[in-house]
Amino acid sequence: MNNLDKGDLVYVPSSVTLYCPDDHGNIKKYVKLSKPTNLLITSVSDKTYEVFYEGQKWIVHKDKTYEVL
């Protein structure tokens, strides 16, 4: 499960936190989702996906997401 690739959609439930790191890996901003949403994966790492949300790229932990069937 959660073995998705760039270009796939991922379901993210409400109350999940997305974050945006700076160039040094520190969190510069974050947002807690108020409603569930499907997001486009733009990059894949070991434990996280980079997703496109409201015109920006954000990071979400894989264990907080579900595959869109």
N, C-alpha and C. Protein backbone atom coordinates (compact mmCIF):
# COMPACT_ATOMS: atom_id res chain seq x y z
N MET A 1 0.84 -1.19 0.00
CA MET A 1 0.00 0.00 0.00
C MET A 1 0.88 1.25 0.00
N ASN A 2 0.37 2.33 -0.52
CA ASN A 2 1.09 3.60 -0.62
C ASN A 2 2.38 3.48 -1.40
N ASN A 3 2.38 2.62 -2.42
CA ASN A 3 3.53 2.50 -3.30
C ASN A 3 3.19 3.22 -4.61
N LEU A 4 3.00 4.53 -4.52
CA LEU A 4 2.56 5.33 -5.64
C LEU A 4 3.73 6.06 -6.29
N ASP A 5 3.49 6.58 -7.48
CA ASP A 5 4.53 7.26 -8.25
C ASP A 5 4.13 8.69 -8.57
N LYS A 6 5.09 9.45 -9.06
CA LYS A 6 4.86 10.81 -9.53
C LYS A 6 3.76 10.78 -10.59
N GLY A 7 2.80 11.70 -10.46
CA GLY A 7 1.69 11.77 -11.40
C GLY A 7 0.44 11.08 -10.92
N ASP A 8 0.53 10.25 -9.88
CA ASP A 8 -0.64 9.57 -9.31
C ASP A 8 -1.39 10.52 -8.38
N LEU A 9 -2.67 10.20 -8.16
CA LEU A 9 -3.44 10.93 -7.16
C LEU A 9 -3.40 10.18 -5.85
N VAL A 10 -3.41 10.93 -4.76
CA VAL A 10 -3.42 10.36 -3.43
C VAL A 10 -4.54 11.03 -2.64
N TYR A 11 -5.27 10.24 -1.86
CA TYR A 11 -6.34 10.74 -1.01
C TYR A 11 -5.75 11.12 0.34
N VAL A 12 -6.02 12.34 0.79
CA VAL A 12 -5.52 12.81 2.08
C VAL A 12 -6.74 13.22 2.92
N PRO A 13 -6.97 12.56 4.06
CA PRO A 13 -8.12 12.87 4.91
C PRO A 13 -8.01 14.25 5.55
N SER A 14 -9.14 14.72 6.07
CA SER A 14 -9.14 15.99 6.80
C SER A 14 -8.28 15.86 8.06
N SER A 15 -7.80 16.97 8.55
CA SER A 15 -6.97 17.07 9.75
C SER A 15 -5.53 16.60 9.55
N VAL A 16 -5.15 16.21 8.34
CA VAL A 16 -3.77 15.86 8.05
C VAL A 16 -2.99 17.16 7.81
N THR A 17 -1.78 17.23 8.31
CA THR A 17 -0.94 18.42 8.15
C THR A 17 0.00 18.26 6.96
N LEU A 18 -0.04 19.25 6.08
CA LEU A 18 0.92 19.36 4.99
C LEU A 18 1.94 20.40 5.40
N TYR A 19 3.19 20.21 5.01
CA TYR A 19 4.19 21.22 5.37
C TYR A 19 5.10 21.53 4.21
N CYS A 20 5.71 22.70 4.27
CA CYS A 20 6.60 23.19 3.23
C CYS A 20 7.95 23.50 3.86
N PRO A 21 8.98 22.74 3.50
CA PRO A 21 10.31 22.97 4.09
C PRO A 21 11.07 24.08 3.36
N ASP A 22 12.00 24.72 4.07
CA ASP A 22 12.89 25.68 3.42
C ASP A 22 14.07 24.93 2.82
N ASP A 23 15.06 25.66 2.34
CA ASP A 23 16.22 25.04 1.69
C ASP A 23 17.08 24.20 2.62
N HIS A 24 16.93 24.40 3.93
CA HIS A 24 17.71 23.67 4.94
C HIS A 24 16.94 22.52 5.56
N GLY A 25 15.70 22.27 5.09
CA GLY A 25 14.90 21.18 5.63
C GLY A 25 14.04 21.56 6.82
N ASN A 26 14.09 22.81 7.24
CA ASN A 26 13.25 23.28 8.34
C ASN A 26 11.86 23.62 7.80
N ILE A 27 10.84 23.45 8.63
CA ILE A 27 9.49 23.76 8.20
C ILE A 27 9.30 25.28 8.20
N LYS A 28 8.97 25.83 7.02
CA LYS A 28 8.76 27.27 6.94
C LYS A 28 7.28 27.63 7.00
N LYS A 29 6.40 26.70 6.62
CA LYS A 29 4.96 26.90 6.77
C LYS A 29 4.26 25.54 6.73
N TYR A 30 3.04 25.51 7.24
CA TYR A 30 2.26 24.28 7.24
C TYR A 30 0.78 24.62 7.18
N VAL A 31 -0.01 23.65 6.81
CA VAL A 31 -1.45 23.81 6.74
C VAL A 31 -2.09 22.49 7.19
N LYS A 32 -3.15 22.60 7.97
CA LYS A 32 -3.92 21.43 8.40
C LYS A 32 -5.19 21.40 7.55
N LEU A 33 -5.40 20.32 6.83
CA LEU A 33 -6.54 20.24 5.92
C LEU A 33 -7.86 20.26 6.69
N SER A 34 -8.79 21.10 6.24
CA SER A 34 -10.09 21.19 6.88
C SER A 34 -11.09 20.21 6.28
N LYS A 35 -10.77 19.68 5.09
CA LYS A 35 -11.63 18.68 4.45
C LYS A 35 -10.76 17.70 3.68
N PRO A 36 -11.25 16.49 3.46
CA PRO A 36 -10.47 15.51 2.71
C PRO A 36 -10.31 15.96 1.26
N THR A 37 -9.21 15.56 0.64
CA THR A 37 -8.96 15.98 -0.73
C THR A 37 -8.06 14.98 -1.46
N ASN A 38 -8.16 14.97 -2.77
CA ASN A 38 -7.25 14.20 -3.62
C ASN A 38 -6.18 15.14 -4.12
N LEU A 39 -4.92 14.75 -4.01
CA LEU A 39 -3.80 15.60 -4.40
C LEU A 39 -2.90 14.87 -5.39
N LEU A 40 -2.29 15.63 -6.28
CA LEU A 40 -1.37 15.10 -7.28
C LEU A 40 0.02 14.95 -6.68
N ILE A 41 0.61 13.78 -6.83
CA ILE A 41 1.98 13.54 -6.35
C ILE A 41 2.96 14.12 -7.37
N THR A 42 3.86 14.99 -6.90
CA THR A 42 4.85 15.60 -7.79
C THR A 42 6.25 15.03 -7.56
N SER A 43 6.45 14.34 -6.43
CA SER A 43 7.74 13.71 -6.13
C SER A 43 7.53 12.68 -5.03
N VAL A 44 8.38 11.64 -5.02
CA VAL A 44 8.27 10.57 -4.04
C VAL A 44 9.60 10.41 -3.30
N SER A 45 9.55 10.35 -1.97
CA SER A 45 10.71 10.05 -1.13
C SER A 45 10.42 8.78 -0.35
N ASP A 46 11.34 8.38 0.52
CA ASP A 46 11.15 7.15 1.30
C ASP A 46 9.89 7.17 2.15
N LYS A 47 9.69 8.24 2.90
CA LYS A 47 8.57 8.31 3.85
C LYS A 47 7.54 9.37 3.52
N THR A 48 7.78 10.17 2.47
CA THR A 48 6.87 11.29 2.16
C THR A 48 6.58 11.38 0.68
N TYR A 49 5.49 12.09 0.38
CA TYR A 49 5.17 12.50 -0.97
C TYR A 49 5.23 14.02 -1.02
N GLU A 50 5.70 14.56 -2.13
CA GLU A 50 5.52 15.97 -2.41
C GLU A 50 4.25 16.04 -3.24
N VAL A 51 3.30 16.89 -2.83
CA VAL A 51 2.00 16.98 -3.49
C VAL A 51 1.72 18.43 -3.88
N PHE A 52 0.81 18.60 -4.83
CA PHE A 52 0.42 19.93 -5.29
C PHE A 52 -0.91 20.29 -4.63
N TYR A 53 -0.92 21.37 -3.85
CA TYR A 53 -2.11 21.80 -3.12
C TYR A 53 -2.20 23.32 -3.19
N GLU A 54 -3.33 23.82 -3.68
CA GLU A 54 -3.61 25.25 -3.79
C GLU A 54 -2.46 26.03 -4.44
N GLY A 55 -1.96 25.50 -5.55
CA GLY A 55 -0.94 26.19 -6.33
C GLY A 55 0.48 26.10 -5.83
N GLN A 56 0.72 25.29 -4.80
CA GLN A 56 2.06 25.15 -4.24
C GLN A 56 2.39 23.69 -3.99
N LYS A 57 3.68 23.40 -3.87
CA LYS A 57 4.13 22.05 -3.54
C LYS A 57 4.29 21.93 -2.03
N TRP A 58 3.75 20.84 -1.47
CA TRP A 58 3.77 20.57 -0.04
C TRP A 58 4.26 19.15 0.18
N ILE A 59 4.65 18.85 1.42
CA ILE A 59 5.08 17.51 1.81
C ILE A 59 4.02 16.89 2.72
N VAL A 60 3.73 15.61 2.49
CA VAL A 60 2.81 14.87 3.35
C VAL A 60 3.43 13.49 3.62
N HIS A 61 3.29 13.00 4.83
CA HIS A 61 3.80 11.67 5.18
C HIS A 61 2.96 10.60 4.50
N LYS A 62 3.62 9.60 3.95
CA LYS A 62 2.94 8.52 3.25
C LYS A 62 1.92 7.80 4.12
N ASP A 63 2.23 7.64 5.40
CA ASP A 63 1.33 6.89 6.29
C ASP A 63 0.04 7.64 6.61
N LYS A 64 -0.09 8.87 6.13
CA LYS A 64 -1.31 9.67 6.32
C LYS A 64 -2.16 9.71 5.05
N THR A 65 -1.75 8.95 4.02
CA THR A 65 -2.43 9.00 2.73
C THR A 65 -2.98 7.64 2.33
N TYR A 66 -3.86 7.67 1.33
CA TYR A 66 -4.47 6.46 0.79
C TYR A 66 -4.47 6.52 -0.72
N GLU A 67 -4.34 5.37 -1.34
CA GLU A 67 -4.37 5.29 -2.80
C GLU A 67 -5.76 5.60 -3.31
N VAL A 68 -5.85 6.36 -4.40
CA VAL A 68 -7.12 6.64 -5.05
C VAL A 68 -7.36 5.52 -6.05
N LEU A 69 -8.48 4.82 -5.89
CA LEU A 69 -8.79 3.68 -6.77
C LEU A 69 -9.65 4.11 -7.93
